[in-house]
Amino acid sequence: MAAENTRVAFRYAKSILELAQEKGMLEAIREDMELFDKAIRENRALANLLQSPIVNSDKKLKILQSIFKGKVNDLTLSVFEILTRKNRESQLPGIARSFHRQYNQLMGIENVTVITPMPLTDELRQQFMAMVKKQTGKEAELQEKVDPELIGGYILQIGDRRIDDSVRNRLHQLKRKFSENPYVAKY
């Protein structure tokens, strides 16, 4: 079922992307999709509402319109309306995420996750973006995560490549080397 939902979200997102390009509204729709995705991530009640089989589609559409009217483009509101009329409103969060991925691919933007033990400064953020550009030749969109257990350093995920330059990883490698060395006393 999840694979089917992913395919449906991909197809709708692709259609929205193509329509936005055709209408010359690609950037406006991208901003709308980011706003919608942020609203879903920050508001659990809204996310649950869209998934609820108990609330009818008309009610969901009215709620979406009351939240987003005046904040998003009319084309985006039309997309909300079409999807709710087809009882596909539960797909909206996946469509927004898929739109974002397809937009980045179209624009040659690399999705990158950077995990650090503390929040990044602007200077470090720029260094990571420069590092990704040097390795991939693409601009980077950083998703930042904080994991205090790294102690220091960072983990950088670029596509399916993972660069683990954390203190935690170095300590783990050192521990493994010592455990493999027969001349090191075991404690």
N, C-alpha and C. Protein backbone atom coordinates (compact mmCIF):
# COMPACT_ATOMS: atom_id res chain seq x y z
N MET A 1 0.82 -1.20 0.00
CA MET A 1 0.00 0.00 0.00
C MET A 1 0.87 1.27 0.00
N ALA A 2 1.96 1.26 0.77
CA ALA A 2 2.83 2.43 0.84
C ALA A 2 3.47 2.72 -0.52
N ALA A 3 3.86 1.65 -1.23
CA ALA A 3 4.46 1.83 -2.55
C ALA A 3 3.44 2.44 -3.51
N GLU A 4 2.19 2.01 -3.40
CA GLU A 4 1.13 2.58 -4.24
C GLU A 4 0.95 4.06 -3.92
N ASN A 5 0.94 4.41 -2.64
CA ASN A 5 0.80 5.81 -2.25
C ASN A 5 1.96 6.64 -2.78
N THR A 6 3.16 6.09 -2.76
CA THR A 6 4.33 6.79 -3.27
C THR A 6 4.19 7.04 -4.76
N ARG A 7 3.72 6.03 -5.50
CA ARG A 7 3.53 6.19 -6.95
C ARG A 7 2.48 7.24 -7.25
N VAL A 8 1.38 7.20 -6.51
CA VAL A 8 0.31 8.17 -6.71
C VAL A 8 0.83 9.58 -6.42
N ALA A 9 1.53 9.74 -5.31
CA ALA A 9 2.09 11.05 -4.95
C ALA A 9 3.06 11.53 -6.02
N PHE A 10 3.89 10.62 -6.53
CA PHE A 10 4.86 10.98 -7.57
C PHE A 10 4.14 11.48 -8.81
N ARG A 11 3.10 10.76 -9.25
CA ARG A 11 2.38 11.14 -10.48
C ARG A 11 1.69 12.50 -10.31
N TYR A 12 1.03 12.70 -9.19
CA TYR A 12 0.37 13.99 -8.97
C TYR A 12 1.41 15.11 -8.90
N ALA A 13 2.49 14.89 -8.18
CA ALA A 13 3.54 15.91 -8.04
C ALA A 13 4.12 16.25 -9.40
N LYS A 14 4.33 15.25 -10.23
CA LYS A 14 4.88 15.48 -11.57
C LYS A 14 3.92 16.33 -12.40
N SER A 15 2.63 16.02 -12.32
CA SER A 15 1.63 16.80 -13.05
C SER A 15 1.60 18.24 -12.57
N ILE A 16 1.66 18.43 -11.27
CA ILE A 16 1.65 19.78 -10.70
C ILE A 16 2.90 20.55 -11.14
N LEU A 17 4.04 19.88 -11.11
CA LEU A 17 5.30 20.50 -11.52
C LEU A 17 5.22 20.93 -12.98
N GLU A 18 4.73 20.05 -13.84
CA GLU A 18 4.62 20.37 -15.27
C GLU A 18 3.64 21.51 -15.50
N LEU A 19 2.52 21.51 -14.79
CA LEU A 19 1.54 22.59 -14.93
C LEU A 19 2.13 23.91 -14.44
N ALA A 20 2.85 23.87 -13.34
CA ALA A 20 3.48 25.08 -12.81
C ALA A 20 4.50 25.64 -13.80
N GLN A 21 5.26 24.76 -14.44
CA GLN A 21 6.23 25.20 -15.45
C GLN A 21 5.50 25.83 -16.64
N GLU A 22 4.45 25.17 -17.08
CA GLU A 22 3.69 25.63 -18.23
C GLU A 22 3.09 27.02 -17.97
N LYS A 23 2.63 27.25 -16.75
CA LYS A 23 2.01 28.53 -16.38
C LYS A 23 3.03 29.57 -15.95
N GLY A 24 4.32 29.19 -15.89
CA GLY A 24 5.36 30.12 -15.47
C GLY A 24 5.28 30.44 -13.99
N MET A 25 4.81 29.48 -13.20
CA MET A 25 4.59 29.70 -11.77
C MET A 25 5.38 28.71 -10.91
N LEU A 26 6.45 28.18 -11.46
CA LEU A 26 7.18 27.12 -10.77
C LEU A 26 7.66 27.55 -9.38
N GLU A 27 8.26 28.72 -9.28
CA GLU A 27 8.78 29.17 -7.98
C GLU A 27 7.65 29.42 -6.99
N ALA A 28 6.55 30.00 -7.45
CA ALA A 28 5.42 30.28 -6.56
C ALA A 28 4.83 28.97 -6.02
N ILE A 29 4.68 27.98 -6.89
CA ILE A 29 4.12 26.70 -6.46
C ILE A 29 5.10 25.97 -5.54
N ARG A 30 6.39 26.08 -5.82
CA ARG A 30 7.39 25.48 -4.93
C ARG A 30 7.26 26.07 -3.53
N GLU A 31 7.14 27.38 -3.45
CA GLU A 31 6.98 28.03 -2.14
C GLU A 31 5.70 27.55 -1.45
N ASP A 32 4.61 27.41 -2.22
CA ASP A 32 3.35 26.92 -1.66
C ASP A 32 3.50 25.51 -1.11
N MET A 33 4.17 24.66 -1.87
CA MET A 33 4.34 23.26 -1.43
C MET A 33 5.22 23.20 -0.18
N GLU A 34 6.22 24.07 -0.10
CA GLU A 34 7.05 24.11 1.11
C GLU A 34 6.24 24.60 2.31
N LEU A 35 5.40 25.61 2.09
CA LEU A 35 4.54 26.12 3.16
C LEU A 35 3.59 25.03 3.64
N PHE A 36 2.98 24.31 2.70
CA PHE A 36 2.05 23.24 3.05
C PHE A 36 2.78 22.14 3.83
N ASP A 37 3.96 21.72 3.33
CA ASP A 37 4.73 20.67 3.99
C ASP A 37 5.12 21.09 5.40
N LYS A 38 5.53 22.34 5.56
CA LYS A 38 5.89 22.84 6.89
C LYS A 38 4.68 22.83 7.82
N ALA A 39 3.53 23.24 7.30
CA ALA A 39 2.30 23.26 8.11
C ALA A 39 1.95 21.85 8.56
N ILE A 40 2.09 20.87 7.68
CA ILE A 40 1.78 19.48 8.02
C ILE A 40 2.75 18.96 9.09
N ARG A 41 4.04 19.25 8.92
CA ARG A 41 5.03 18.78 9.88
C ARG A 41 4.87 19.42 11.25
N GLU A 42 4.44 20.67 11.28
CA GLU A 42 4.34 21.40 12.55
C GLU A 42 2.97 21.27 13.21
N ASN A 43 1.98 20.79 12.49
CA ASN A 43 0.63 20.71 13.02
C ASN A 43 0.08 19.29 12.88
N ARG A 44 0.28 18.51 13.90
CA ARG A 44 -0.15 17.10 13.89
C ARG A 44 -1.66 16.97 13.66
N ALA A 45 -2.45 17.92 14.19
CA ALA A 45 -3.90 17.86 14.02
C ALA A 45 -4.29 17.99 12.55
N LEU A 46 -3.60 18.85 11.82
CA LEU A 46 -3.87 19.00 10.39
C LEU A 46 -3.50 17.73 9.63
N ALA A 47 -2.35 17.18 9.96
CA ALA A 47 -1.92 15.93 9.32
C ALA A 47 -2.92 14.81 9.58
N ASN A 48 -3.37 14.70 10.83
CA ASN A 48 -4.35 13.66 11.18
C ASN A 48 -5.69 13.90 10.50
N LEU A 49 -6.08 15.15 10.39
CA LEU A 49 -7.34 15.49 9.72
C LEU A 49 -7.34 14.98 8.28
N LEU A 50 -6.26 15.23 7.56
CA LEU A 50 -6.18 14.82 6.16
C LEU A 50 -6.23 13.30 6.01
N GLN A 51 -5.76 12.57 7.00
CA GLN A 51 -5.75 11.12 6.95
C GLN A 51 -7.06 10.50 7.45
N SER A 52 -7.87 11.28 8.14
CA SER A 52 -9.06 10.75 8.80
C SER A 52 -10.14 10.31 7.82
N PRO A 53 -10.60 9.06 7.94
CA PRO A 53 -11.71 8.59 7.10
C PRO A 53 -13.06 9.07 7.64
N ILE A 54 -13.06 9.59 8.85
CA ILE A 54 -14.32 10.02 9.48
C ILE A 54 -14.76 11.39 8.97
N VAL A 55 -13.80 12.31 8.78
CA VAL A 55 -14.13 13.66 8.31
C VAL A 55 -14.31 13.62 6.80
N ASN A 56 -15.44 14.16 6.32
CA ASN A 56 -15.69 14.08 4.87
C ASN A 56 -14.83 15.08 4.10
N SER A 57 -14.68 14.83 2.83
CA SER A 57 -13.78 15.61 1.98
C SER A 57 -14.17 17.08 1.90
N ASP A 58 -15.47 17.36 1.87
CA ASP A 58 -15.90 18.77 1.80
C ASP A 58 -15.43 19.55 3.02
N LYS A 59 -15.54 18.94 4.18
CA LYS A 59 -15.09 19.57 5.42
C LYS A 59 -13.57 19.79 5.37
N LYS A 60 -12.84 18.79 4.89
CA LYS A 60 -11.38 18.91 4.78
C LYS A 60 -11.01 20.05 3.84
N LEU A 61 -11.74 20.16 2.72
CA LEU A 61 -11.46 21.23 1.76
C LEU A 61 -11.70 22.59 2.39
N LYS A 62 -12.80 22.74 3.12
CA LYS A 62 -13.10 24.02 3.77
C LYS A 62 -12.00 24.38 4.77
N ILE A 63 -11.51 23.40 5.49
CA ILE A 63 -10.43 23.66 6.45
C ILE A 63 -9.15 24.07 5.72
N LEU A 64 -8.80 23.35 4.65
CA LEU A 64 -7.61 23.71 3.86
C LEU A 64 -7.74 25.12 3.31
N GLN A 65 -8.92 25.45 2.79
CA GLN A 65 -9.13 26.79 2.25
C GLN A 65 -9.03 27.86 3.33
N SER A 66 -9.59 27.58 4.51
CA SER A 66 -9.53 28.57 5.59
C SER A 66 -8.09 28.79 6.06
N ILE A 67 -7.29 27.76 6.02
CA ILE A 67 -5.89 27.89 6.45
C ILE A 67 -5.03 28.57 5.39
N PHE A 68 -5.20 28.17 4.13
CA PHE A 68 -4.25 28.57 3.09
C PHE A 68 -4.72 29.66 2.14
N LYS A 69 -6.00 30.00 2.13
CA LYS A 69 -6.48 31.04 1.22
C LYS A 69 -5.80 32.36 1.56
N GLY A 70 -5.27 33.01 0.55
CA GLY A 70 -4.54 34.25 0.76
C GLY A 70 -3.07 34.04 1.08
N LYS A 71 -2.69 32.80 1.37
CA LYS A 71 -1.29 32.49 1.69
C LYS A 71 -0.62 31.72 0.56
N VAL A 72 -1.44 31.04 -0.26
CA VAL A 72 -0.90 30.28 -1.39
C VAL A 72 -1.58 30.75 -2.67
N ASN A 73 -0.99 30.38 -3.77
CA ASN A 73 -1.46 30.73 -5.09
C ASN A 73 -2.81 30.06 -5.38
N ASP A 74 -3.61 30.67 -6.25
CA ASP A 74 -4.89 30.08 -6.64
C ASP A 74 -4.72 28.70 -7.28
N LEU A 75 -3.63 28.52 -8.00
CA LEU A 75 -3.38 27.21 -8.61
C LEU A 75 -3.21 26.14 -7.53
N THR A 76 -2.54 26.48 -6.47
CA THR A 76 -2.35 25.53 -5.37
C THR A 76 -3.69 25.22 -4.71
N LEU A 77 -4.50 26.24 -4.49
CA LEU A 77 -5.83 26.01 -3.93
C LEU A 77 -6.65 25.11 -4.84
N SER A 78 -6.51 25.28 -6.16
CA SER A 78 -7.22 24.42 -7.12
C SER A 78 -6.76 22.97 -7.00
N VAL A 79 -5.48 22.79 -6.79
CA VAL A 79 -4.95 21.44 -6.59
C VAL A 79 -5.57 20.82 -5.35
N PHE A 80 -5.62 21.58 -4.25
CA PHE A 80 -6.27 21.08 -3.03
C PHE A 80 -7.71 20.68 -3.31
N GLU A 81 -8.42 21.51 -4.06
CA GLU A 81 -9.82 21.24 -4.37
C GLU A 81 -9.98 19.98 -5.22
N ILE A 82 -9.19 19.86 -6.26
CA ILE A 82 -9.29 18.69 -7.14
C ILE A 82 -9.00 17.41 -6.36
N LEU A 83 -7.94 17.44 -5.55
CA LEU A 83 -7.57 16.24 -4.81
C LEU A 83 -8.60 15.87 -3.75
N THR A 84 -9.20 16.84 -3.11
CA THR A 84 -10.22 16.51 -2.11
C THR A 84 -11.49 16.01 -2.78
N ARG A 85 -11.83 16.55 -3.93
CA ARG A 85 -13.02 16.07 -4.67
C ARG A 85 -12.83 14.62 -5.12
N LYS A 86 -11.57 14.24 -5.36
CA LYS A 86 -11.27 12.86 -5.76
C LYS A 86 -10.96 11.98 -4.55
N ASN A 87 -11.19 12.49 -3.35
CA ASN A 87 -10.89 11.78 -2.09
C ASN A 87 -9.42 11.37 -2.00
N ARG A 88 -8.55 12.24 -2.47
CA ARG A 88 -7.10 11.99 -2.43
C ARG A 88 -6.38 12.96 -1.50
N GLU A 89 -7.11 13.64 -0.62
CA GLU A 89 -6.49 14.63 0.27
C GLU A 89 -5.46 14.00 1.19
N SER A 90 -5.61 12.73 1.47
CA SER A 90 -4.63 12.05 2.33
C SER A 90 -3.27 11.95 1.63
N GLN A 91 -3.27 12.13 0.31
CA GLN A 91 -2.03 12.07 -0.47
C GLN A 91 -1.27 13.39 -0.46
N LEU A 92 -1.92 14.47 -0.03
CA LEU A 92 -1.30 15.80 -0.12
C LEU A 92 0.08 15.90 0.53
N PRO A 93 0.30 15.38 1.73
CA PRO A 93 1.65 15.48 2.30
C PRO A 93 2.71 14.78 1.43
N GLY A 94 2.39 13.60 0.93
CA GLY A 94 3.33 12.89 0.06
C GLY A 94 3.55 13.61 -1.25
N ILE A 95 2.50 14.22 -1.77
CA ILE A 95 2.60 14.98 -3.02
C ILE A 95 3.53 16.18 -2.82
N ALA A 96 3.38 16.87 -1.70
CA ALA A 96 4.23 18.03 -1.42
C ALA A 96 5.70 17.61 -1.33
N ARG A 97 5.97 16.50 -0.65
CA ARG A 97 7.37 16.03 -0.53
C ARG A 97 7.90 15.58 -1.88
N SER A 98 7.08 14.88 -2.66
CA SER A 98 7.51 14.42 -3.97
C SER A 98 7.74 15.61 -4.91
N PHE A 99 6.88 16.60 -4.83
CA PHE A 99 7.06 17.82 -5.63
C PHE A 99 8.42 18.43 -5.33
N HIS A 100 8.74 18.53 -4.04
CA HIS A 100 10.00 19.13 -3.62
C HIS A 100 11.20 18.35 -4.19
N ARG A 101 11.14 17.02 -4.10
CA ARG A 101 12.24 16.20 -4.64
C ARG A 101 12.36 16.38 -6.15
N GLN A 102 11.23 16.37 -6.86
CA GLN A 102 11.26 16.53 -8.31
C GLN A 102 11.74 17.92 -8.72
N TYR A 103 11.33 18.92 -7.95
CA TYR A 103 11.78 20.29 -8.22
C TYR A 103 13.31 20.35 -8.08
N ASN A 104 13.84 19.81 -6.99
CA ASN A 104 15.29 19.83 -6.78
C ASN A 104 16.02 19.10 -7.89
N GLN A 105 15.47 17.98 -8.32
CA GLN A 105 16.10 17.23 -9.41
C GLN A 105 16.09 18.06 -10.69
N LEU A 106 14.98 18.69 -10.99
CA LEU A 106 14.87 19.53 -12.17
C LEU A 106 15.87 20.68 -12.14
N MET A 107 16.06 21.27 -10.97
CA MET A 107 16.92 22.44 -10.82
C MET A 107 18.38 22.07 -10.54
N GLY A 108 18.67 20.78 -10.44
CA GLY A 108 20.05 20.34 -10.18
C GLY A 108 20.50 20.64 -8.76
N ILE A 109 19.58 20.52 -7.81
CA ILE A 109 19.90 20.76 -6.40
C ILE A 109 20.02 19.42 -5.69
N GLU A 110 21.13 19.23 -4.99
CA GLU A 110 21.39 17.98 -4.28
C GLU A 110 20.79 18.05 -2.87
N ASN A 111 19.98 17.05 -2.52
CA ASN A 111 19.46 16.96 -1.15
C ASN A 111 20.52 16.33 -0.27
N VAL A 112 20.88 17.03 0.79
CA VAL A 112 21.96 16.60 1.66
C VAL A 112 21.50 16.68 3.11
N THR A 113 21.86 15.66 3.88
CA THR A 113 21.60 15.69 5.31
C THR A 113 22.93 15.80 6.03
N VAL A 114 23.01 16.75 6.94
CA VAL A 114 24.22 16.89 7.75
C VAL A 114 23.81 16.76 9.21
N ILE A 115 24.52 15.87 9.90
CA ILE A 115 24.25 15.62 11.32
C ILE A 115 25.47 16.08 12.10
N THR A 116 25.24 16.94 13.06
CA THR A 116 26.31 17.49 13.88
C THR A 116 25.91 17.43 15.35
N PRO A 117 26.88 17.53 16.26
CA PRO A 117 26.54 17.46 17.68
C PRO A 117 25.87 18.73 18.21
N MET A 118 25.93 19.82 17.44
CA MET A 118 25.28 21.06 17.84
C MET A 118 24.79 21.77 16.58
N PRO A 119 23.87 22.72 16.71
CA PRO A 119 23.37 23.42 15.53
C PRO A 119 24.49 24.10 14.74
N LEU A 120 24.32 24.13 13.42
CA LEU A 120 25.33 24.74 12.55
C LEU A 120 25.29 26.26 12.63
N THR A 121 26.47 26.85 12.53
CA THR A 121 26.57 28.31 12.36
C THR A 121 26.42 28.59 10.87
N ASP A 122 26.19 29.83 10.51
CA ASP A 122 26.10 30.19 9.09
C ASP A 122 27.39 29.85 8.35
N GLU A 123 28.52 30.08 9.02
CA GLU A 123 29.81 29.80 8.41
C GLU A 123 29.97 28.30 8.10
N LEU A 124 29.63 27.44 9.08
CA LEU A 124 29.72 25.99 8.85
C LEU A 124 28.75 25.54 7.77
N ARG A 125 27.55 26.11 7.77
CA ARG A 125 26.55 25.77 6.75
C ARG A 125 27.11 26.06 5.35
N GLN A 126 27.75 27.21 5.21
CA GLN A 126 28.34 27.58 3.91
C GLN A 126 29.49 26.63 3.55
N GLN A 127 30.26 26.21 4.55
CA GLN A 127 31.36 25.26 4.28
C GLN A 127 30.82 23.92 3.78
N PHE A 128 29.74 23.44 4.41
CA PHE A 128 29.14 22.18 3.97
C PHE A 128 28.58 22.31 2.55
N MET A 129 27.94 23.42 2.27
CA MET A 129 27.38 23.63 0.93
C MET A 129 28.50 23.68 -0.11
N ALA A 130 29.62 24.32 0.24
CA ALA A 130 30.76 24.38 -0.68
C ALA A 130 31.37 22.99 -0.87
N MET A 131 31.43 22.20 0.21
CA MET A 131 31.96 20.84 0.12
C MET A 131 31.11 19.99 -0.82
N VAL A 132 29.80 20.11 -0.70
CA VAL A 132 28.90 19.33 -1.56
C VAL A 132 29.04 19.79 -3.01
N LYS A 133 29.11 21.09 -3.23
CA LYS A 133 29.25 21.61 -4.59
C LYS A 133 30.55 21.09 -5.21
N LYS A 134 31.62 21.05 -4.43
CA LYS A 134 32.91 20.57 -4.94
C LYS A 134 32.82 19.09 -5.30
N GLN A 135 32.13 18.29 -4.48
CA GLN A 135 32.04 16.85 -4.72
C GLN A 135 31.05 16.48 -5.82
N THR A 136 29.94 17.23 -5.91
CA THR A 136 28.87 16.83 -6.83
C THR A 136 28.72 17.76 -8.02
N GLY A 137 29.22 18.98 -7.90
CA GLY A 137 29.02 19.97 -8.94
C GLY A 137 27.63 20.59 -8.88
N LYS A 138 26.88 20.28 -7.82
CA LYS A 138 25.51 20.79 -7.69
C LYS A 138 25.39 21.66 -6.45
N GLU A 139 24.40 22.54 -6.50
CA GLU A 139 24.04 23.30 -5.31
C GLU A 139 23.45 22.32 -4.30
N ALA A 140 23.52 22.67 -3.03
CA ALA A 140 23.03 21.78 -1.99
C ALA A 140 21.87 22.40 -1.24
N GLU A 141 20.94 21.55 -0.88
CA GLU A 141 19.90 21.93 0.07
C GLU A 141 20.14 21.10 1.31
N LEU A 142 20.52 21.76 2.38
CA LEU A 142 20.89 21.05 3.61
C LEU A 142 19.69 20.80 4.50
N GLN A 143 19.59 19.57 4.93
CA GLN A 143 18.67 19.24 6.02
C GLN A 143 19.58 19.02 7.22
N GLU A 144 19.37 19.80 8.24
CA GLU A 144 20.26 19.77 9.40
C GLU A 144 19.63 18.99 10.54
N LYS A 145 20.43 18.11 11.15
CA LYS A 145 19.99 17.36 12.31
C LYS A 145 21.06 17.48 13.39
N VAL A 146 20.63 17.47 14.63
CA VAL A 146 21.56 17.56 15.76
C VAL A 146 21.53 16.23 16.52
N ASP A 147 22.72 15.66 16.75
CA ASP A 147 22.86 14.43 17.53
C ASP A 147 24.04 14.61 18.48
N PRO A 148 23.76 14.98 19.74
CA PRO A 148 24.85 15.24 20.70
C PRO A 148 25.76 14.03 20.92
N GLU A 149 25.29 12.82 20.63
CA GLU A 149 26.10 11.62 20.84
C GLU A 149 27.26 11.51 19.86
N LEU A 150 27.30 12.35 18.82
CA LEU A 150 28.44 12.34 17.90
C LEU A 150 29.70 12.85 18.57
N ILE A 151 29.55 13.59 19.64
CA ILE A 151 30.63 14.20 20.43
C ILE A 151 31.26 15.36 19.65
N GLY A 152 31.66 15.14 18.44
CA GLY A 152 32.26 16.16 17.59
C GLY A 152 32.26 15.65 16.16
N GLY A 153 32.66 16.50 15.23
CA GLY A 153 32.68 16.11 13.83
C GLY A 153 31.30 16.19 13.20
N TYR A 154 31.08 15.36 12.16
CA TYR A 154 29.82 15.41 11.44
C TYR A 154 29.59 14.11 10.66
N ILE A 155 28.34 13.93 10.25
CA ILE A 155 27.97 12.89 9.29
C ILE A 155 27.28 13.62 8.15
N LEU A 156 27.73 13.37 6.94
CA LEU A 156 27.17 14.02 5.76
C LEU A 156 26.61 12.95 4.83
N GLN A 157 25.32 13.04 4.56
CA GLN A 157 24.65 12.08 3.67
C GLN A 157 24.34 12.80 2.37
N ILE A 158 25.00 12.40 1.27
CA ILE A 158 24.77 12.97 -0.06
C ILE A 158 24.25 11.85 -0.94
N GLY A 159 22.97 11.87 -1.21
CA GLY A 159 22.38 10.77 -1.98
C GLY A 159 22.58 9.47 -1.22
N ASP A 160 23.21 8.49 -1.86
CA ASP A 160 23.45 7.21 -1.18
C ASP A 160 24.85 7.12 -0.60
N ARG A 161 25.60 8.22 -0.64
CA ARG A 161 26.95 8.27 -0.04
C ARG A 161 26.87 8.84 1.36
N ARG A 162 27.65 8.26 2.25
CA ARG A 162 27.67 8.71 3.64
C ARG A 162 29.11 8.95 4.06
N ILE A 163 29.37 10.16 4.52
CA ILE A 163 30.70 10.52 5.02
C ILE A 163 30.55 10.69 6.52
N ASP A 164 31.17 9.78 7.28
CA ASP A 164 31.07 9.82 8.74
C ASP A 164 32.40 10.26 9.30
N ASP A 165 32.51 11.54 9.60
CA ASP A 165 33.72 12.10 10.16
C ASP A 165 33.45 12.57 11.59
N SER A 166 32.74 11.71 12.33
CA SER A 166 32.38 12.05 13.71
C SER A 166 33.40 11.46 14.68
N VAL A 167 33.50 12.08 15.83
CA VAL A 167 34.39 11.57 16.88
C VAL A 167 33.89 10.19 17.32
N ARG A 168 32.58 10.04 17.42
CA ARG A 168 32.00 8.74 17.81
C ARG A 168 32.47 7.64 16.86
N ASN A 169 32.47 7.91 15.55
CA ASN A 169 32.90 6.92 14.57
C ASN A 169 34.40 6.64 14.70
N ARG A 170 35.18 7.68 14.91
CA ARG A 170 36.63 7.49 15.06
C ARG A 170 36.94 6.65 16.30
N LEU A 171 36.23 6.92 17.39
CA LEU A 171 36.43 6.12 18.61
C LEU A 171 36.03 4.66 18.37
N HIS A 172 34.94 4.46 17.64
CA HIS A 172 34.50 3.11 17.33
C HIS A 172 35.55 2.37 16.49
N GLN A 173 36.12 3.06 15.50
CA GLN A 173 37.16 2.44 14.66
C GLN A 173 38.40 2.12 15.48
N LEU A 174 38.77 3.03 16.37
CA LEU A 174 39.93 2.81 17.23
C LEU A 174 39.70 1.60 18.14
N LYS A 175 38.52 1.52 18.71
CA LYS A 175 38.17 0.40 19.58
C LYS A 175 38.25 -0.92 18.81
N ARG A 176 37.77 -0.92 17.57
CA ARG A 176 37.80 -2.11 16.73
C ARG A 176 39.24 -2.52 16.42
N LYS A 177 40.09 -1.53 16.13
CA LYS A 177 41.50 -1.84 15.85
C LYS A 177 42.17 -2.47 17.06
N PHE A 178 41.89 -1.91 18.24
CA PHE A 178 42.48 -2.47 19.45
C PHE A 178 41.96 -3.88 19.72
N SER A 179 40.71 -4.14 19.49
CA SER A 179 40.13 -5.45 19.77
C SER A 179 40.67 -6.50 18.78
N GLU A 180 41.10 -6.06 17.59
CA GLU A 180 41.63 -6.99 16.59
C GLU A 180 43.13 -7.23 16.80
N ASN A 181 43.79 -6.42 17.58
CA ASN A 181 45.23 -6.54 17.79
C ASN A 181 45.48 -7.52 18.93
N PRO A 182 46.17 -8.65 18.65
CA PRO A 182 46.40 -9.66 19.68
C PRO A 182 47.38 -9.21 20.77
N TYR A 183 48.13 -8.13 20.53
CA TYR A 183 49.14 -7.69 21.48
C TYR A 183 48.60 -6.69 22.50
N VAL A 184 47.35 -6.27 22.30
CA VAL A 184 46.74 -5.32 23.23
C VAL A 184 46.05 -6.11 24.33
N ALA A 185 46.35 -5.73 25.57
CA ALA A 185 45.74 -6.42 26.71
C ALA A 185 44.24 -6.16 26.73
N LYS A 186 43.46 -7.20 26.98
CA LYS A 186 41.99 -7.09 27.07
C LYS A 186 41.62 -6.75 28.50
N TYR A 187 40.80 -5.78 28.68
CA TYR A 187 40.36 -5.37 30.00
C TYR A 187 38.94 -5.76 30.21
